[in-house]
C-alpha atoms as a PDB file:
ATOM      1  CA  UNK A   1     -42.854  85.797   4.521  1.00  0.00           C
ATOM      2  CA  UNK A   2     -41.990  84.280   1.162  1.00  0.00           C
ATOM      3  CA  UNK A   3     -40.621  86.985  -1.381  1.00  0.00           C
ATOM      4  CA  UNK A   4     -39.794  89.562   1.132  1.00  0.00           C
ATOM      5  CA  UNK A   5     -36.597  91.249   0.126  1.00  0.00           C
ATOM      6  CA  UNK A   6     -33.602  91.392   2.531  1.00  0.00           C
ATOM      7  CA  UNK A   7     -31.888  94.096   3.273  1.00  0.00           C
ATOM      8  CA  UNK A   8     -28.025  93.434   2.657  1.00  0.00           C
ATOM      9  CA  UNK A   9     -25.086  95.335   4.423  1.00  0.00           C
ATOM     10  CA  UNK A  10     -21.655  95.026   3.360  1.00  0.00           C
ATOM     11  CA  UNK A  11     -18.751  94.648   5.915  1.00  0.00           C
ATOM     12  CA  UNK A  12     -15.487  94.877   4.641  1.00  0.00           C
ATOM     13  CA  UNK A  13     -13.750  98.266   5.635  1.00  0.00           C
ATOM     14  CA  UNK A  14     -12.386  98.772   9.463  1.00  0.00           C
ATOM     15  CA  UNK A  15     -12.898  97.068  12.412  1.00  0.00           C
ATOM     16  CA  UNK A  16     -14.237  99.741  14.318  1.00  0.00           C
ATOM     17  CA  UNK A  17     -16.974 100.712  11.472  1.00  0.00           C
ATOM     18  CA  UNK A  18     -17.513  97.035  11.956  1.00  0.00           C
ATOM     19  CA  UNK A  19     -19.181  97.720  15.298  1.00  0.00           C
ATOM     20  CA  UNK A  20     -21.249 100.380  14.068  1.00  0.00           C
ATOM     21  CA  UNK A  21     -22.755  98.256  11.169  1.00  0.00           C
ATOM     22  CA  UNK A  22     -23.400  95.109  13.503  1.00  0.00           C
ATOM     23  CA  UNK A  23     -25.137  97.652  15.789  1.00  0.00           C
ATOM     24  CA  UNK A  24     -27.268  99.067  12.952  1.00  0.00           C
ATOM     25  CA  UNK A  25     -27.746  95.615  11.780  1.00  0.00           C
ATOM     26  CA  UNK A  26     -29.381  94.565  15.094  1.00  0.00           C
ATOM     27  CA  UNK A  27     -31.503  97.656  14.886  1.00  0.00           C
ATOM     28  CA  UNK A  28     -32.790  96.610  11.856  1.00  0.00           C
ATOM     29  CA  UNK A  29     -33.277  93.191  12.898  1.00  0.00           C
ATOM     30  CA  UNK A  30     -35.315  94.096  16.161  1.00  0.00           C
ATOM     31  CA  UNK A  31     -37.429  95.817  13.651  1.00  0.00           C
ATOM     32  CA  UNK A  32     -38.523  93.170  12.161  1.00  0.00           C
ATOM     33  CA  UNK A  33     -36.553  93.447   9.015  1.00  0.00           C
ATOM     34  CA  UNK A  34     -34.777  90.539   7.497  1.00  0.00           C
ATOM     35  CA  UNK A  35     -30.795  91.256   6.777  1.00  0.00           C
ATOM     36  CA  UNK A  36     -27.938  89.627   4.964  1.00  0.00           C
ATOM     37  CA  UNK A  37     -24.683  90.426   5.429  1.00  0.00           C
ATOM     38  CA  UNK A  38     -21.476  90.265   3.302  1.00  0.00           C
ATOM     39  CA  UNK A  39     -18.252  90.044   5.326  1.00  0.00           C
ATOM     40  CA  UNK A  40     -15.057  88.046   5.830  1.00  0.00           C
ATOM     41  CA  UNK A  41     -14.766  84.852   7.881  1.00  0.00           C
ATOM     42  CA  UNK A  42     -13.076  86.519  10.959  1.00  0.00           C
ATOM     43  CA  UNK A  43     -15.977  88.727  11.528  1.00  0.00           C
ATOM     44  CA  UNK A  44     -18.988  86.485  11.615  1.00  0.00           C
ATOM     45  CA  UNK A  45     -19.112  86.953  15.455  1.00  0.00           C
ATOM     46  CA  UNK A  46     -20.158  90.128  15.101  1.00  0.00           C
ATOM     47  CA  UNK A  47     -23.533  88.984  13.360  1.00  0.00           C
ATOM     48  CA  UNK A  48     -25.017  86.109  15.430  1.00  0.00           C
ATOM     49  CA  UNK A  49     -28.676  87.564  15.132  1.00  0.00           C
ATOM     50  CA  UNK A  50     -28.893  88.213  11.291  1.00  0.00           C
ATOM     51  CA  UNK A  51     -30.710  86.034   8.909  1.00  0.00           C
ATOM     52  CA  UNK A  52     -28.147  85.098   6.735  1.00  0.00           C
ATOM     53  CA  UNK A  53     -24.105  85.842   6.636  1.00  0.00           C
ATOM     54  CA  UNK A  54     -22.369  85.329   3.012  1.00  0.00           C
ATOM     55  CA  UNK A  55     -18.637  84.730   3.188  1.00  0.00           C
ATOM     56  CA  UNK A  56     -16.247  86.905   0.890  1.00  0.00           C
ATOM     57  CA  UNK A  57     -12.773  86.943   0.423  1.00  0.00           C
ATOM     58  CA  UNK A  58     -10.618  90.369   1.287  1.00  0.00           C
ATOM     59  CA  UNK A  59     -10.989  91.692  -2.472  1.00  0.00           C
ATOM     60  CA  UNK A  60      -9.069  94.542  -2.278  1.00  0.00           C
ATOM     61  CA  UNK A  61      -5.347  95.419  -1.165  1.00  0.00           C
ATOM     62  CA  UNK A  62      -5.683  99.033  -0.457  1.00  0.00           C
ATOM     63  CA  UNK A  63      -6.012 100.065   3.147  1.00  0.00           C
ATOM     64  CA  UNK A  64      -9.363  99.889   4.701  1.00  0.00           C
ATOM     65  CA  UNK A  65     -10.859 103.329   6.122  1.00  0.00           C
ATOM     66  CA  UNK A  66     -14.284 103.594   7.115  1.00  0.00           C
ATOM     67  CA  UNK A  67     -16.958 101.506   5.465  1.00  0.00           C
ATOM     68  CA  UNK A  68     -14.584 100.751   2.279  1.00  0.00           C
ATOM     69  CA  UNK A  69     -10.888 101.331   0.992  1.00  0.00           C
ATOM     70  CA  UNK A  70      -8.661 104.219   1.377  1.00  0.00           C
ATOM     71  CA  UNK A  71      -8.649 105.985  -2.508  1.00  0.00           C
ATOM     72  CA  UNK A  72     -11.119 103.348  -3.766  1.00  0.00           C
ATOM     73  CA  UNK A  73     -13.749 103.864  -6.364  1.00  0.00           C
ATOM     74  CA  UNK A  74     -16.661 103.721  -4.233  1.00  0.00           C
ATOM     75  CA  UNK A  75     -19.343 103.846  -6.880  1.00  0.00           C
ATOM     76  CA  UNK A  76     -17.366 100.513  -8.877  1.00  0.00           C
ATOM     77  CA  UNK A  77     -17.112  99.054  -5.415  1.00  0.00           C
ATOM     78  CA  UNK A  78     -21.245  99.423  -5.079  1.00  0.00           C
ATOM     79  CA  UNK A  79     -21.885  97.940  -8.768  1.00  0.00           C
ATOM     80  CA  UNK A  80     -19.423  94.916  -7.985  1.00  0.00           C
ATOM     81  CA  UNK A  81     -20.944  94.027  -5.044  1.00  0.00           C
ATOM     82  CA  UNK A  82     -25.124  94.537  -6.116  1.00  0.00           C
ATOM     83  CA  UNK A  83     -23.857  92.130  -8.814  1.00  0.00           C
ATOM     84  CA  UNK A  84     -23.181  89.156  -6.540  1.00  0.00           C
ATOM     85  CA  UNK A  85     -25.822  89.712  -4.117  1.00  0.00           C
ATOM     86  CA  UNK A  86     -28.360  87.052  -3.765  1.00  0.00           C
ATOM     87  CA  UNK A  87     -31.714  87.549  -5.322  1.00  0.00           C
ATOM     88  CA  UNK A  88     -33.460  87.991  -2.646  1.00  0.00           C
ATOM     89  CA  UNK A  89     -31.526  91.030  -1.300  1.00  0.00           C
ATOM     90  CA  UNK A  90     -30.750  94.705  -1.895  1.00  0.00           C
ATOM     91  CA  UNK A  91     -28.248  97.147  -0.829  1.00  0.00           C
ATOM     92  CA  UNK A  92     -29.616 100.641   0.735  1.00  0.00           C
ATOM     93  CA  UNK A  93     -29.730 103.150  -1.415  1.00  0.00           C
ATOM     94  CA  UNK A  94     -27.895 105.300   1.263  1.00  0.00           C
ATOM     95  CA  UNK A  95     -24.953 102.440   1.518  1.00  0.00           C
ATOM     96  CA  UNK A  96     -21.614 103.548   0.318  1.00  0.00           C
ATOM     97  CA  UNK A  97     -18.099 102.606   0.935  1.00  0.00           C
ATOM     98  CA  UNK A  98     -17.654 106.100   2.868  1.00  0.00           C
ATOM     99  CA  UNK A  99     -17.371 107.607   6.169  1.00  0.00           C
ATOM    100  CA  UNK A 100     -21.196 107.636   6.836  1.00  0.00           C
ATOM    101  CA  UNK A 101     -22.770 108.913   9.988  1.00  0.00           C
ATOM    102  CA  UNK A 102     -26.420 108.719   8.564  1.00  0.00           C
ATOM    103  CA  UNK A 103     -27.398 105.302  10.119  1.00  0.00           C
ATOM    104  CA  UNK A 104     -25.499 106.129  13.519  1.00  0.00           C
ATOM    105  CA  UNK A 105     -28.344 107.003  15.346  1.00  0.00           C
ATOM    106  CA  UNK A 106     -30.548 103.452  14.424  1.00  0.00           C
ATOM    107  CA  UNK A 107     -28.140 101.340  16.392  1.00  0.00           C
ATOM    108  CA  UNK A 108     -28.546  98.732  19.276  1.00  0.00           C
ATOM    109  CA  UNK A 109     -25.236  98.004  20.943  1.00  0.00           C
ATOM    110  CA  UNK A 110     -25.161  94.659  22.871  1.00  0.00           C
ATOM    111  CA  UNK A 111     -21.994  92.691  24.228  1.00  0.00           C
ATOM    112  CA  UNK A 112     -20.873  89.789  21.633  1.00  0.00           C
ATOM    113  CA  UNK A 113     -21.411  86.137  23.037  1.00  0.00           C
ATOM    114  CA  UNK A 114     -18.503  84.609  24.378  1.00  0.00           C
ATOM    115  CA  UNK A 115     -17.479  81.017  23.183  1.00  0.00           C
ATOM    116  CA  UNK A 116     -14.251  79.949  24.483  1.00  0.00           C
ATOM    117  CA  UNK A 117     -13.566  81.266  28.261  1.00  0.00           C
ATOM    118  CA  UNK A 118      -9.850  82.284  28.711  1.00  0.00           C
ATOM    119  CA  UNK A 119      -8.016  81.948  31.620  1.00  0.00           C
ATOM    120  CA  UNK A 120      -7.744  85.437  33.779  1.00  0.00           C
ATOM    121  CA  UNK A 121      -7.462  87.786  34.955  1.00  0.00           C
ATOM    122  CA  UNK A 122      -5.964  89.771  32.369  1.00  0.00           C
ATOM    123  CA  UNK A 123      -4.884  92.983  31.221  1.00  0.00           C
ATOM    124  CA  UNK A 124      -5.402  93.769  27.392  1.00  0.00           C
ATOM    125  CA  UNK A 125      -2.904  95.887  25.316  1.00  0.00           C
ATOM    126  CA  UNK A 126      -3.786  97.109  22.089  1.00  0.00           C
ATOM    127  CA  UNK A 127      -0.712  98.198  20.498  1.00  0.00           C
ATOM    128  CA  UNK A 128      -1.678  99.850  17.352  1.00  0.00           C
ATOM    129  CA  UNK A 129       0.859 100.491  14.433  1.00  0.00           C
ATOM    130  CA  UNK A 130      -0.887 101.098  11.056  1.00  0.00           C
ATOM    131  CA  UNK A 131       1.948 101.820   8.814  1.00  0.00           C
ATOM    132  CA  UNK A 132       0.230 103.850   5.800  1.00  0.00           C
ATOM    133  CA  UNK A 133       0.543 107.545   6.139  1.00  0.00           C
ATOM    134  CA  UNK A 134      -3.006 108.376   6.249  1.00  0.00           C
ATOM    135  CA  UNK A 135      -3.539 106.639   9.405  1.00  0.00           C
ATOM    136  CA  UNK A 136      -0.093 106.389  11.209  1.00  0.00           C
ATOM    137  CA  UNK A 137      -0.666 109.376  13.298  1.00  0.00           C
ATOM    138  CA  UNK A 138      -2.392 107.396  15.763  1.00  0.00           C
ATOM    139  CA  UNK A 139       0.277 105.210  16.244  1.00  0.00           C
ATOM    140  CA  UNK A 140       1.960 105.500  19.770  1.00  0.00           C
ATOM    141  CA  UNK A 141       5.603 104.920  19.984  1.00  0.00           C
ATOM    142  CA  UNK A 142       6.950 101.247  20.182  1.00  0.00           C
ATOM    143  CA  UNK A 143       8.748 102.301  23.194  1.00  0.00           C
ATOM    144  CA  UNK A 144       5.578 103.270  24.892  1.00  0.00           C
ATOM    145  CA  UNK A 145       4.280 100.150  24.934  1.00  0.00           C
ATOM    146  CA  UNK A 146       7.618  98.488  25.745  1.00  0.00           C
ATOM    147  CA  UNK A 147       7.777 100.602  28.709  1.00  0.00           C
ATOM    148  CA  UNK A 148       3.710  99.749  29.374  1.00  0.00           C
ATOM    149  CA  UNK A 149       4.294  96.193  29.083  1.00  0.00           C
ATOM    150  CA  UNK A 150       7.424  96.073  31.745  1.00  0.00           C
ATOM    151  CA  UNK A 151       5.313  98.294  34.250  1.00  0.00           C
ATOM    152  CA  UNK A 152       2.346  96.242  34.229  1.00  0.00           C
ATOM    153  CA  UNK A 153       3.923  93.019  34.296  1.00  0.00           C
ATOM    154  CA  UNK A 154       5.659  94.367  37.666  1.00  0.00           C
ATOM    155  CA  UNK A 155       2.950  95.962  39.166  1.00  0.00           C
ATOM    156  CA  UNK A 156       0.169  93.373  38.318  1.00  0.00           C
ATOM    157  CA  UNK A 157       1.939  90.150  39.009  1.00  0.00           C
ATOM    158  CA  UNK A 158      -1.425  87.926  39.428  1.00  0.00           C
ATOM    159  CA  UNK A 159      -2.584  89.261  36.015  1.00  0.00           C
ATOM    160  CA  UNK A 160      -1.592  88.089  32.358  1.00  0.00           C
ATOM    161  CA  UNK A 161      -0.392  90.983  30.599  1.00  0.00           C
ATOM    162  CA  UNK A 162      -1.954  90.009  26.788  1.00  0.00           C
ATOM    163  CA  UNK A 163      -0.808  92.065  23.812  1.00  0.00           C
ATOM    164  CA  UNK A 164      -3.800  91.553  20.888  1.00  0.00           C
ATOM    165  CA  UNK A 165      -3.560  92.650  17.706  1.00  0.00           C
ATOM    166  CA  UNK A 166      -3.087  91.528  13.873  1.00  0.00           C
ATOM    167  CA  UNK A 167       0.479  91.286  12.336  1.00  0.00           C
ATOM    168  CA  UNK A 168      -0.413  93.993  10.249  1.00  0.00           C
ATOM    169  CA  UNK A 169      -1.780  96.338  12.403  1.00  0.00           C
ATOM    170  CA  UNK A 170       0.179  96.003  15.899  1.00  0.00           C
ATOM    171  CA  UNK A 171       3.902  95.946  17.404  1.00  0.00           C
ATOM    172  CA  UNK A 172       4.997  92.706  18.076  1.00  0.00           C
ATOM    173  CA  UNK A 173       6.417  93.243  21.597  1.00  0.00           C
ATOM    174  CA  UNK A 174       9.336  90.686  21.061  1.00  0.00           C
ATOM    175  CA  UNK A 175      11.047  92.592  23.945  1.00  0.00           C
ATOM    176  CA  UNK A 176       8.560  90.639  26.570  1.00  0.00           C
ATOM    177  CA  UNK A 177       9.109  87.137  24.866  1.00  0.00           C
ATOM    178  CA  UNK A 178       9.606  84.692  27.984  1.00  0.00           C
ATOM    179  CA  UNK A 179       8.662  87.235  30.489  1.00  0.00           C
ATOM    180  CA  UNK A 180       6.312  84.986  32.869  1.00  0.00           C
ATOM    181  CA  UNK A 181       2.759  86.933  32.862  1.00  0.00           C
ATOM    182  CA  UNK A 182       3.057  88.347  29.382  1.00  0.00           C
ATOM    183  CA  UNK A 183       1.126  86.546  26.659  1.00  0.00           C
ATOM    184  CA  UNK A 184       1.790  88.058  23.179  1.00  0.00           C
ATOM    185  CA  UNK A 185      -1.077  87.170  20.952  1.00  0.00           C
ATOM    186  CA  UNK A 186      -0.163  89.848  18.374  1.00  0.00           C
ATOM    187  CA  UNK A 187      -0.376  87.931  14.978  1.00  0.00           C
ATOM    188  CA  UNK A 188      -1.520  84.831  16.395  1.00  0.00           C
ATOM    189  CA  UNK A 189      -5.013  85.099  15.225  1.00  0.00           C
ATOM    190  CA  UNK A 190      -7.547  87.361  12.845  1.00  0.00           C
ATOM    191  CA  UNK A 191     -10.518  86.076  14.801  1.00  0.00           C
ATOM    192  CA  UNK A 192     -12.704  88.999  16.375  1.00  0.00           C
ATOM    193  CA  UNK A 193     -14.037  85.875  18.745  1.00  0.00           C
ATOM    194  CA  UNK A 194     -10.910  85.489  19.914  1.00  0.00           C
ATOM    195  CA  UNK A 195     -10.759  88.945  21.438  1.00  0.00           C
ATOM    196  CA  UNK A 196     -14.276  88.929  22.328  1.00  0.00           C
ATOM    197  CA  UNK A 197     -13.347  85.833  24.579  1.00  0.00           C
ATOM    198  CA  UNK A 198     -10.285  87.641  26.145  1.00  0.00           C
ATOM    199  CA  UNK A 199     -12.155  90.435  27.038  1.00  0.00           C
ATOM    200  CA  UNK A 200     -14.450  88.157  29.018  1.00  0.00           C
ATOM    201  CA  UNK A 201     -11.371  87.285  31.059  1.00  0.00           C
ATOM    202  CA  UNK A 202     -10.264  91.090  31.259  1.00  0.00           C
ATOM    203  CA  UNK A 203      -9.981  93.513  34.455  1.00  0.00           C
ATOM    204  CA  UNK A 204      -8.981  95.985  31.871  1.00  0.00           C
ATOM    205  CA  UNK A 205      -7.825  96.913  28.670  1.00  0.00           C
ATOM    206  CA  UNK A 206      -5.339  99.839  27.128  1.00  0.00           C
ATOM    207  CA  UNK A 207      -5.379 101.266  23.764  1.00  0.00           C
ATOM    208  CA  UNK A 208      -5.203 104.188  21.624  1.00  0.00           C
ATOM    209  CA  UNK A 209      -8.371 105.370  20.139  1.00  0.00           C
ATOM    210  CA  UNK A 210      -9.077 102.885  17.265  1.00  0.00           C
ATOM    211  CA  UNK A 211     -11.331  99.915  16.990  1.00  0.00           C
ATOM    212  CA  UNK A 212      -9.886  97.421  19.565  1.00  0.00           C
ATOM    213  CA  UNK A 213     -10.733  99.345  22.607  1.00  0.00           C
ATOM    214  CA  UNK A 214     -14.300 100.101  21.075  1.00  0.00           C
ATOM    215  CA  UNK A 215     -14.829  96.454  21.164  1.00  0.00           C
ATOM    216  CA  UNK A 216     -13.500  96.047  24.843  1.00  0.00           C
ATOM    217  CA  UNK A 217     -15.630  99.080  25.801  1.00  0.00           C
ATOM    218  CA  UNK A 218     -18.435  97.437  24.113  1.00  0.00           C
ATOM    219  CA  UNK A 219     -17.844  94.216  26.075  1.00  0.00           C
ATOM    220  CA  UNK A 220     -18.101  96.320  29.350  1.00  0.00           C
ATOM    221  CA  UNK A 221     -14.269  95.961  29.956  1.00  0.00           C
ATOM    222  CA  UNK A 222     -12.955  99.038  32.055  1.00  0.00           C
ATOM    223  CA  UNK A 223     -10.823 100.783  29.092  1.00  0.00           C
ATOM    224  CA  UNK A 224      -8.100 103.119  29.205  1.00  0.00           C
ATOM    225  CA  UNK A 225      -7.787 105.301  25.896  1.00  0.00           C
ATOM    226  CA  UNK A 226      -5.079 107.658  24.767  1.00  0.00           C
ATOM    227  CA  UNK A 227      -6.191 109.926  21.827  1.00  0.00           C
ATOM    228  CA  UNK A 228      -7.118 113.460  20.856  1.00  0.00           C
ATOM    229  CA  UNK A 229     -11.107 113.003  20.803  1.00  0.00           C
ATOM    230  CA  UNK A 230     -12.191 112.811  24.229  1.00  0.00           C
ATOM    231  CA  UNK A 231     -15.633 113.260  23.289  1.00  0.00           C
ATOM    232  CA  UNK A 232     -16.128 110.707  20.634  1.00  0.00           C
ATOM    233  CA  UNK A 233     -14.614 108.197  22.843  1.00  0.00           C
ATOM    234  CA  UNK A 234     -17.136 109.056  25.391  1.00  0.00           C
ATOM    235  CA  UNK A 235     -20.183 109.332  23.086  1.00  0.00           C
ATOM    236  CA  UNK A 236     -19.009 105.722  21.612  1.00  0.00           C
ATOM    237  CA  UNK A 237     -18.984 104.391  25.073  1.00  0.00           C
ATOM    238  CA  UNK A 238     -22.357 102.949  24.366  1.00  0.00           C
ATOM    239  CA  UNK A 239     -21.960  99.885  27.025  1.00  0.00           C
ATOM    240  CA  UNK A 240     -21.416 102.319  30.065  1.00  0.00           C
ATOM    241  CA  UNK A 241     -17.814 100.983  30.725  1.00  0.00           C
ATOM    242  CA  UNK A 242     -15.685 102.246  33.012  1.00  0.00           C
ATOM    243  CA  UNK A 243     -13.383 104.841  30.841  1.00  0.00           C
ATOM    244  CA  UNK A 244     -10.067 106.514  31.623  1.00  0.00           C
ATOM    245  CA  UNK A 245      -8.723 108.930  28.934  1.00  0.00           C
ATOM    246  CA  UNK A 246      -5.561 110.576  28.222  1.00  0.00           C
ATOM    247  CA  UNK A 247      -5.302 113.398  25.865  1.00  0.00           C
ATOM    248  CA  UNK A 248      -2.656 113.644  23.267  1.00  0.00           C
ATOM    249  CA  UNK A 249      -2.536 116.316  20.287  1.00  0.00           C
ATOM    250  CA  UNK A 250      -3.662 115.235  17.233  1.00  0.00           C
ATOM    251  CA  UNK A 251      -0.142 115.445  15.691  1.00  0.00           C
ATOM    252  CA  UNK A 252       1.593 114.710  19.368  1.00  0.00           C
ATOM    253  CA  UNK A 253       1.162 110.763  19.552  1.00  0.00           C
ATOM    254  CA  UNK A 254       4.881 110.134  19.120  1.00  0.00           C
ATOM    255  CA  UNK A 255       5.451 112.780  21.630  1.00  0.00           C
ATOM    256  CA  UNK A 256       3.463 111.239  24.146  1.00  0.00           C
ATOM    257  CA  UNK A 257       4.733 111.847  28.017  1.00  0.00           C
ATOM    258  CA  UNK A 258       5.046 108.121  28.549  1.00  0.00           C
ATOM    259  CA  UNK A 259       5.981 108.117  32.258  1.00  0.00           C
ATOM    260  CA  UNK A 260       2.887 110.214  33.039  1.00  0.00           C
ATOM    261  CA  UNK A 261       0.351 108.141  30.859  1.00  0.00           C
ATOM    262  CA  UNK A 262       1.735 104.976  32.352  1.00  0.00           C
ATOM    263  CA  UNK A 263       1.562 106.294  35.907  1.00  0.00           C
ATOM    264  CA  UNK A 264      -2.285 107.298  35.015  1.00  0.00           C
ATOM    265  CA  UNK A 265      -3.053 103.994  33.293  1.00  0.00           C
ATOM    266  CA  UNK A 266      -1.842 101.794  36.680  1.00  0.00           C
ATOM    267  CA  UNK A 267      -4.055 104.136  38.867  1.00  0.00           C
ATOM    268  CA  UNK A 268      -6.862 103.592  36.446  1.00  0.00           C
ATOM    269  CA  UNK A 269      -6.161  99.494  36.701  1.00  0.00           C
ATOM    270  CA  UNK A 270      -5.971  99.674  40.328  1.00  0.00           C
ATOM    271  CA  UNK A 271      -9.885 100.997  40.374  1.00  0.00           C
ATOM    272  CA  UNK A 272      -8.836 104.910  40.758  1.00  0.00           C
ATOM    273  CA  UNK A 273     -10.979 107.436  38.418  1.00  0.00           C
ATOM    274  CA  UNK A 274      -8.603 109.063  35.968  1.00  0.00           C
ATOM    275  CA  UNK A 275      -9.601 111.048  33.363  1.00  0.00           C
END
């Protein structure tokens, strides 16, 4: 209807929170609201159902945190974005560039559409590595990821063992360069669509508790998560994907029992229920 004000949502923070925001936007659209999203080009595939997407550059060099940036002035960010909104759009009063949970019960999660089918089967590895001290505690050791890759290459010769992540957010496992069934995609693309397409070809995925395992679960890929928040991960398995979990203490990611964890991952990928 002419003159209807659109609800504006701004997706500039952590990718895991993009998934929450996308599901909330879908909820609003299904209610009949008109929704406009301001976000980065690589995140457009998360919003195929909204009325309009406005592309914006990565405007802040601070680490991304929740819906915003670590250490940023949230009020100043809100005013900055309000100034560039289209005339027919408004930010909800509740929206801040912070860790907000008030919209979590107003969300509809569905798998995102595949664009380009990848060859398979694949096992996806998400070797998270965030260097900032505020976020590094969830990094598993590089040695763990190398050992896991070596084990999976041997155990699943029919699968393409595929490492996925951004250059600044994941280990590049150069030790695996040249290994026949290992495919190193770390740093090759920032496109979320590329990960969605890989999920379609995946028989399983492995990661510490972060955004990409949330995405693989949303795409209904059997996913094994290493972390300290078992109940949160179970709660956020909205699509009901087969889930494996390995508990580590909040301060113990670097001291993981690699052999034990890798053994359980292999059992999980072979179809066993491991938790």
